[in-house]
Amino acid sequence: MNSRWPMMLIVGAFASPVVFAQAPSKPDAAKAQQIATQVCAACHAADGNSTQPANPILAGQHADYLFKQLNNFKPQSGKPAERPNAVMAGIAANLSVSDMRGLAAYFEDQKPRLGAARDPELVKLGQAIYRGGVLSKGVAACAACHGPGGAGVPAQYPRLAGQFAEYTAAQLKAFRSGERANDPNRMMQVVAGKLSDKEIAAVAEYIAGLR
């Protein structure tokens, strides 16, 4: 009797179903380029170097960040999108997870154009805030998260260098008002909430000239 139990235990162990996680499929680069050319190009240009200040430059942006934003634009399971935007909601709704990963990787690989600041006085104030924060308001330096040159940190903080001042300012104001609240720890809402319109304009102007 005792000799039968080991065999029964062995058979029983291997009779249980084993489920293995599937590796994520590799993004289709050709399809991503097609979508970028036929859909995204209208607002962001085919290579992600938008010429319209209201639409962000996507070229060179971290793929993880772009993938997250596309997901945030997309309503999930009947719930409102984490980042409301009528245009992007319509576009993201038609993208699969693979499509979004492909687009994110495609735009990350594109070379961003060199930006330029225009207002020396604003740049001076913006530089002070970006590099040193605003001590009297408890605002930390932007460089602490986004890097001295605005390169950002993949999977954590987006690239800012060369972004349109108009777009950056609009996003900071959206964070400040609560209209945009899709940063994981609400850090940007706290930071932007302490900045005046002039300080926001100054930081945005400085960022536009970073390389």
C-alpha atoms as a PDB file:
ATOM      1  CA  MET A   1       0.000   0.000   0.000  1.00  0.00           C
ATOM      2  CA  ASN A   2       2.759   2.387   0.881  1.00  0.00           C
ATOM      3  CA  SER A   3       4.513   1.707  -2.431  1.00  0.00           C
ATOM      4  CA  ARG A   4       1.487   2.992  -4.398  1.00  0.00           C
ATOM      5  CA  TRP A   5       1.246   6.437  -2.791  1.00  0.00           C
ATOM      6  CA  PRO A   6       4.430   7.944  -4.253  1.00  0.00           C
ATOM      7  CA  MET A   7       3.293   7.012  -7.766  1.00  0.00           C
ATOM      8  CA  MET A   8      -0.182   8.435  -7.175  1.00  0.00           C
ATOM      9  CA  LEU A   9       1.297  11.688  -5.907  1.00  0.00           C
ATOM     10  CA  ILE A  10       3.578  11.983  -8.929  1.00  0.00           C
ATOM     11  CA  VAL A  11       0.762  11.339 -11.389  1.00  0.00           C
ATOM     12  CA  GLY A  12      -1.509  13.768  -9.551  1.00  0.00           C
ATOM     13  CA  ALA A  13       1.096  16.517  -9.655  1.00  0.00           C
ATOM     14  CA  PHE A  14       1.484  16.347 -13.403  1.00  0.00           C
ATOM     15  CA  ALA A  15      -2.228  15.981 -14.052  1.00  0.00           C
ATOM     16  CA  SER A  16      -2.892  19.584 -12.926  1.00  0.00           C
ATOM     17  CA  PRO A  17      -3.062  22.121 -15.805  1.00  0.00           C
ATOM     18  CA  VAL A  18      -0.098  24.448 -16.113  1.00  0.00           C
ATOM     19  CA  VAL A  19      -0.689  27.935 -17.591  1.00  0.00           C
ATOM     20  CA  PHE A  20       2.202  29.894 -19.050  1.00  0.00           C
ATOM     21  CA  ALA A  21       2.049  33.652 -19.637  1.00  0.00           C
ATOM     22  CA  GLN A  22       2.258  34.596 -23.284  1.00  0.00           C
ATOM     23  CA  ALA A  23       5.040  36.915 -24.311  1.00  0.00           C
ATOM     24  CA  PRO A  24       3.733  40.208 -25.728  1.00  0.00           C
ATOM     25  CA  SER A  25       3.677  40.219 -29.500  1.00  0.00           C
ATOM     26  CA  LYS A  26       6.297  42.263 -31.286  1.00  0.00           C
ATOM     27  CA  PRO A  27       4.894  45.539 -32.688  1.00  0.00           C
ATOM     28  CA  ASP A  28       4.357  45.636 -36.438  1.00  0.00           C
ATOM     29  CA  ALA A  29       6.740  48.398 -37.554  1.00  0.00           C
ATOM     30  CA  ALA A  30       5.326  48.587 -41.076  1.00  0.00           C
ATOM     31  CA  LYS A  31       1.761  48.940 -39.804  1.00  0.00           C
ATOM     32  CA  ALA A  32       2.848  51.557 -37.275  1.00  0.00           C
ATOM     33  CA  GLN A  33       4.436  53.649 -40.008  1.00  0.00           C
ATOM     34  CA  GLN A  34       1.294  53.303 -42.106  1.00  0.00           C
ATOM     35  CA  ILE A  35      -0.916  54.525 -39.252  1.00  0.00           C
ATOM     36  CA  ALA A  36       1.483  57.378 -38.517  1.00  0.00           C
ATOM     37  CA  THR A  37       1.441  58.449 -42.159  1.00  0.00           C
ATOM     38  CA  GLN A  38      -2.289  58.073 -42.770  1.00  0.00           C
ATOM     39  CA  VAL A  39      -3.730  59.091 -39.381  1.00  0.00           C
ATOM     40  CA  CYS A  40      -1.245  60.826 -37.082  1.00  0.00           C
ATOM     41  CA  ALA A  41       0.394  62.951 -39.788  1.00  0.00           C
ATOM     42  CA  ALA A  42      -2.571  65.322 -40.027  1.00  0.00           C
ATOM     43  CA  CYS A  43      -1.755  66.791 -36.611  1.00  0.00           C
ATOM     44  CA  HIS A  44       1.732  65.591 -35.687  1.00  0.00           C
ATOM     45  CA  ALA A  45       3.438  65.144 -39.105  1.00  0.00           C
ATOM     46  CA  ALA A  46       4.441  61.698 -40.334  1.00  0.00           C
ATOM     47  CA  ASP A  47       7.730  61.790 -38.422  1.00  0.00           C
ATOM     48  CA  GLY A  48       6.230  63.259 -35.253  1.00  0.00           C
ATOM     49  CA  ASN A  49       7.706  66.724 -35.765  1.00  0.00           C
ATOM     50  CA  SER A  50       4.481  68.678 -35.577  1.00  0.00           C
ATOM     51  CA  THR A  51       4.459  72.160 -37.099  1.00  0.00           C
ATOM     52  CA  GLN A  52       1.354  73.222 -35.164  1.00  0.00           C
ATOM     53  CA  PRO A  53       2.024  74.580 -31.641  1.00  0.00           C
ATOM     54  CA  ALA A  54      -1.289  73.212 -30.372  1.00  0.00           C
ATOM     55  CA  ASN A  55      -0.189  69.670 -31.236  1.00  0.00           C
ATOM     56  CA  PRO A  56       2.813  68.184 -29.441  1.00  0.00           C
ATOM     57  CA  ILE A  57       6.032  67.033 -31.043  1.00  0.00           C
ATOM     58  CA  LEU A  58       6.142  63.258 -30.667  1.00  0.00           C
ATOM     59  CA  ALA A  59       9.482  62.537 -32.336  1.00  0.00           C
ATOM     60  CA  GLY A  60      12.033  61.219 -29.863  1.00  0.00           C
ATOM     61  CA  GLN A  61       9.503  60.865 -27.032  1.00  0.00           C
ATOM     62  CA  HIS A  62       9.915  57.802 -24.818  1.00  0.00           C
ATOM     63  CA  ALA A  63       7.875  54.862 -26.094  1.00  0.00           C
ATOM     64  CA  ASP A  64       6.618  53.943 -22.620  1.00  0.00           C
ATOM     65  CA  TYR A  65       5.265  57.448 -22.117  1.00  0.00           C
ATOM     66  CA  LEU A  66       3.569  57.542 -25.529  1.00  0.00           C
ATOM     67  CA  PHE A  67       2.004  54.131 -24.958  1.00  0.00           C
ATOM     68  CA  LYS A  68       0.622  55.274 -21.612  1.00  0.00           C
ATOM     69  CA  GLN A  69      -0.861  58.437 -23.103  1.00  0.00           C
ATOM     70  CA  LEU A  70      -2.573  56.531 -25.912  1.00  0.00           C
ATOM     71  CA  ASN A  71      -4.048  54.195 -23.304  1.00  0.00           C
ATOM     72  CA  ASN A  72      -5.172  57.161 -21.217  1.00  0.00           C
ATOM     73  CA  PHE A  73      -6.939  58.741 -24.207  1.00  0.00           C
ATOM     74  CA  LYS A  74      -8.889  55.516 -24.742  1.00  0.00           C
ATOM     75  CA  PRO A  75     -12.095  54.927 -22.719  1.00  0.00           C
ATOM     76  CA  GLN A  76     -11.781  51.654 -20.801  1.00  0.00           C
ATOM     77  CA  SER A  77     -14.685  49.291 -20.087  1.00  0.00           C
ATOM     78  CA  GLY A  78     -17.292  52.018 -20.398  1.00  0.00           C
ATOM     79  CA  LYS A  79     -15.427  54.365 -18.079  1.00  0.00           C
ATOM     80  CA  PRO A  80     -14.380  57.890 -19.144  1.00  0.00           C
ATOM     81  CA  ALA A  81     -10.858  58.251 -20.494  1.00  0.00           C
ATOM     82  CA  GLU A  82      -8.192  59.142 -17.937  1.00  0.00           C
ATOM     83  CA  ARG A  83      -7.063  61.932 -20.254  1.00  0.00           C
ATOM     84  CA  PRO A  84     -10.109  63.497 -21.926  1.00  0.00           C
ATOM     85  CA  ASN A  85      -9.617  64.661 -25.516  1.00  0.00           C
ATOM     86  CA  ALA A  86     -12.339  64.288 -28.126  1.00  0.00           C
ATOM     87  CA  VAL A  87      -9.987  63.959 -31.091  1.00  0.00           C
ATOM     88  CA  MET A  88      -7.533  61.557 -29.496  1.00  0.00           C
ATOM     89  CA  ALA A  89     -10.324  59.482 -27.936  1.00  0.00           C
ATOM     90  CA  GLY A  90     -11.706  58.784 -31.389  1.00  0.00           C
ATOM     91  CA  ILE A  91      -8.306  57.827 -32.743  1.00  0.00           C
ATOM     92  CA  ALA A  92      -7.234  55.707 -29.770  1.00  0.00           C
ATOM     93  CA  ALA A  93     -10.549  53.841 -29.783  1.00  0.00           C
ATOM     94  CA  ASN A  94      -9.591  52.237 -33.091  1.00  0.00           C
ATOM     95  CA  LEU A  95      -6.095  51.186 -31.996  1.00  0.00           C
ATOM     96  CA  SER A  96      -5.231  47.767 -30.609  1.00  0.00           C
ATOM     97  CA  VAL A  97      -2.626  47.316 -27.877  1.00  0.00           C
ATOM     98  CA  SER A  98      -0.196  46.159 -30.555  1.00  0.00           C
ATOM     99  CA  ASP A  99      -0.970  49.259 -32.655  1.00  0.00           C
ATOM    100  CA  MET A 100      -0.299  51.541 -29.701  1.00  0.00           C
ATOM    101  CA  ARG A 101       2.969  49.836 -28.871  1.00  0.00           C
ATOM    102  CA  GLY A 102       4.003  50.020 -32.511  1.00  0.00           C
ATOM    103  CA  LEU A 103       3.224  53.729 -32.789  1.00  0.00           C
ATOM    104  CA  ALA A 104       5.021  54.462 -29.529  1.00  0.00           C
ATOM    105  CA  ALA A 105       8.136  52.657 -30.743  1.00  0.00           C
ATOM    106  CA  TYR A 106       7.907  54.317 -34.181  1.00  0.00           C
ATOM    107  CA  PHE A 107       7.777  57.876 -32.842  1.00  0.00           C
ATOM    108  CA  GLU A 108      10.496  57.199 -30.273  1.00  0.00           C
ATOM    109  CA  ASP A 109      12.805  56.273 -33.168  1.00  0.00           C
ATOM    110  CA  GLN A 110      12.173  59.513 -35.059  1.00  0.00           C
ATOM    111  CA  LYS A 111      14.670  62.341 -34.732  1.00  0.00           C
ATOM    112  CA  PRO A 112      13.145  65.408 -33.018  1.00  0.00           C
ATOM    113  CA  ARG A 113      13.674  68.810 -34.547  1.00  0.00           C
ATOM    114  CA  LEU A 114      15.681  71.420 -32.665  1.00  0.00           C
ATOM    115  CA  GLY A 115      13.462  73.947 -30.910  1.00  0.00           C
ATOM    116  CA  ALA A 116      14.166  77.542 -30.001  1.00  0.00           C
ATOM    117  CA  ALA A 117      13.056  80.018 -27.354  1.00  0.00           C
ATOM    118  CA  ARG A 118      11.920  83.516 -28.362  1.00  0.00           C
ATOM    119  CA  ASP A 119      11.658  85.701 -25.258  1.00  0.00           C
ATOM    120  CA  PRO A 120      14.984  86.262 -23.391  1.00  0.00           C
ATOM    121  CA  GLU A 121      13.283  87.691 -20.291  1.00  0.00           C
ATOM    122  CA  LEU A 122      10.935  84.741 -19.946  1.00  0.00           C
ATOM    123  CA  VAL A 123      13.803  82.335 -20.571  1.00  0.00           C
ATOM    124  CA  LYS A 124      15.753  83.846 -17.682  1.00  0.00           C
ATOM    125  CA  LEU A 125      12.880  83.272 -15.257  1.00  0.00           C
ATOM    126  CA  GLY A 126      12.096  79.892 -16.768  1.00  0.00           C
ATOM    127  CA  GLN A 127      15.673  78.742 -16.389  1.00  0.00           C
ATOM    128  CA  ALA A 128      15.648  79.651 -12.710  1.00  0.00           C
ATOM    129  CA  ILE A 129      12.456  77.675 -12.124  1.00  0.00           C
ATOM    130  CA  TYR A 130      13.464  74.704 -14.268  1.00  0.00           C
ATOM    131  CA  ARG A 131      16.846  74.347 -12.614  1.00  0.00           C
ATOM    132  CA  GLY A 132      16.126  75.497  -9.085  1.00  0.00           C
ATOM    133  CA  GLY A 133      12.361  75.424  -8.584  1.00  0.00           C
ATOM    134  CA  VAL A 134      10.514  78.067  -6.572  1.00  0.00           C
ATOM    135  CA  LEU A 135      11.649  77.723  -2.975  1.00  0.00           C
ATOM    136  CA  SER A 136       9.097  80.159  -1.554  1.00  0.00           C
ATOM    137  CA  LYS A 137       6.241  78.059  -3.009  1.00  0.00           C
ATOM    138  CA  GLY A 138       7.705  74.651  -2.346  1.00  0.00           C
ATOM    139  CA  VAL A 139       8.086  73.924  -6.057  1.00  0.00           C
ATOM    140  CA  ALA A 140      10.860  71.479  -6.908  1.00  0.00           C
ATOM    141  CA  ALA A 141      13.174  71.950  -9.872  1.00  0.00           C
ATOM    142  CA  CYS A 142      11.805  70.511 -13.126  1.00  0.00           C
ATOM    143  CA  ALA A 143      15.300  69.202 -13.849  1.00  0.00           C
ATOM    144  CA  ALA A 144      15.035  66.838 -10.893  1.00  0.00           C
ATOM    145  CA  CYS A 145      12.635  64.631 -12.860  1.00  0.00           C
ATOM    146  CA  HIS A 146      13.032  65.654 -16.493  1.00  0.00           C
ATOM    147  CA  GLY A 147      16.808  66.086 -16.507  1.00  0.00           C
ATOM    148  CA  PRO A 148      19.003  69.190 -16.996  1.00  0.00           C
ATOM    149  CA  GLY A 149      18.556  69.035 -20.760  1.00  0.00           C
ATOM    150  CA  GLY A 150      14.915  67.969 -20.756  1.00  0.00           C
ATOM    151  CA  ALA A 151      15.663  64.426 -21.925  1.00  0.00           C
ATOM    152  CA  GLY A 152      13.387  62.889 -19.301  1.00  0.00           C
ATOM    153  CA  VAL A 153      13.676  59.360 -17.908  1.00  0.00           C
ATOM    154  CA  PRO A 154      12.243  56.445 -19.930  1.00  0.00           C
ATOM    155  CA  ALA A 155       9.155  54.841 -18.377  1.00  0.00           C
ATOM    156  CA  GLN A 156       9.008  57.540 -15.707  1.00  0.00           C
ATOM    157  CA  TYR A 157       9.200  61.126 -16.986  1.00  0.00           C
ATOM    158  CA  PRO A 158       8.615  62.397 -20.533  1.00  0.00           C
ATOM    159  CA  ARG A 159      11.105  64.153 -22.746  1.00  0.00           C
ATOM    160  CA  LEU A 160      10.415  67.919 -22.757  1.00  0.00           C
ATOM    161  CA  ALA A 161      13.296  69.406 -24.739  1.00  0.00           C
ATOM    162  CA  GLY A 162      12.237  71.416 -27.786  1.00  0.00           C
ATOM    163  CA  GLN A 163       8.508  71.054 -27.158  1.00  0.00           C
ATOM    164  CA  PHE A 164       6.312  73.949 -28.301  1.00  0.00           C
ATOM    165  CA  ALA A 165       6.012  76.547 -25.539  1.00  0.00           C
ATOM    166  CA  GLU A 166       2.312  76.908 -26.300  1.00  0.00           C
ATOM    167  CA  TYR A 167       1.688  73.196 -25.839  1.00  0.00           C
ATOM    168  CA  THR A 168       3.734  72.929 -22.641  1.00  0.00           C
ATOM    169  CA  ALA A 169       1.977  75.933 -21.137  1.00  0.00           C
ATOM    170  CA  ALA A 170      -1.430  74.526 -22.056  1.00  0.00           C
ATOM    171  CA  GLN A 171      -0.638  71.207 -20.359  1.00  0.00           C
ATOM    172  CA  LEU A 172       0.658  72.879 -17.204  1.00  0.00           C
ATOM    173  CA  LYS A 173      -2.547  74.903 -16.986  1.00  0.00           C
ATOM    174  CA  ALA A 174      -4.596  71.746 -17.562  1.00  0.00           C
ATOM    175  CA  PHE A 175      -2.757  70.064 -14.687  1.00  0.00           C
ATOM    176  CA  ARG A 176      -3.302  73.148 -12.554  1.00  0.00           C
ATOM    177  CA  SER A 177      -7.050  73.237 -13.168  1.00  0.00           C
ATOM    178  CA  GLY A 178      -7.457  69.496 -12.755  1.00  0.00           C
ATOM    179  CA  GLU A 179      -8.620  69.079 -16.353  1.00  0.00           C
ATOM    180  CA  ARG A 180      -5.659  66.763 -16.826  1.00  0.00           C
ATOM    181  CA  ALA A 181      -5.004  64.327 -13.991  1.00  0.00           C
ATOM    182  CA  ASN A 182      -3.369  61.297 -15.565  1.00  0.00           C
ATOM    183  CA  ASP A 183       0.022  61.513 -13.884  1.00  0.00           C
ATOM    184  CA  PRO A 184       0.345  58.476 -11.589  1.00  0.00           C
ATOM    185  CA  ASN A 185       1.051  60.288  -8.313  1.00  0.00           C
ATOM    186  CA  ARG A 186      -0.580  63.639  -9.178  1.00  0.00           C
ATOM    187  CA  MET A 187       2.814  65.303  -8.894  1.00  0.00           C
ATOM    188  CA  MET A 188       2.215  67.598 -11.861  1.00  0.00           C
ATOM    189  CA  GLN A 189      -1.095  68.779 -10.455  1.00  0.00           C
ATOM    190  CA  VAL A 190       0.632  69.761  -7.230  1.00  0.00           C
ATOM    191  CA  VAL A 191       3.523  71.498  -8.997  1.00  0.00           C
ATOM    192  CA  ALA A 192       1.430  73.312 -11.601  1.00  0.00           C
ATOM    193  CA  GLY A 193      -1.078  74.309  -8.932  1.00  0.00           C
ATOM    194  CA  LYS A 194       1.570  76.496  -7.321  1.00  0.00           C
ATOM    195  CA  LEU A 195       2.692  78.268 -10.496  1.00  0.00           C
ATOM    196  CA  SER A 196       1.352  81.576 -11.781  1.00  0.00           C
ATOM    197  CA  ASP A 197       0.539  82.173 -15.449  1.00  0.00           C
ATOM    198  CA  LYS A 198       3.813  84.050 -15.858  1.00  0.00           C
ATOM    199  CA  GLU A 199       5.833  81.270 -14.244  1.00  0.00           C
ATOM    200  CA  ILE A 200       4.159  78.702 -16.466  1.00  0.00           C
ATOM    201  CA  ALA A 201       4.880  80.789 -19.562  1.00  0.00           C
ATOM    202  CA  ALA A 202       8.495  81.206 -18.472  1.00  0.00           C
ATOM    203  CA  VAL A 203       9.111  77.503 -17.878  1.00  0.00           C
ATOM    204  CA  ALA A 204       7.435  76.613 -21.163  1.00  0.00           C
ATOM    205  CA  GLU A 205       9.572  79.149 -23.043  1.00  0.00           C
ATOM    206  CA  TYR A 206      12.769  77.808 -21.487  1.00  0.00           C
ATOM    207  CA  ILE A 207      11.826  74.201 -22.316  1.00  0.00           C
ATOM    208  CA  ALA A 208      11.241  75.142 -25.964  1.00  0.00           C
ATOM    209  CA  GLY A 209      14.923  76.047 -26.298  1.00  0.00           C
ATOM    210  CA  LEU A 210      16.357  73.007 -24.523  1.00  0.00           C
ATOM    211  CA  ARG A 211      18.393  70.561 -26.586  1.00  0.00           C
END
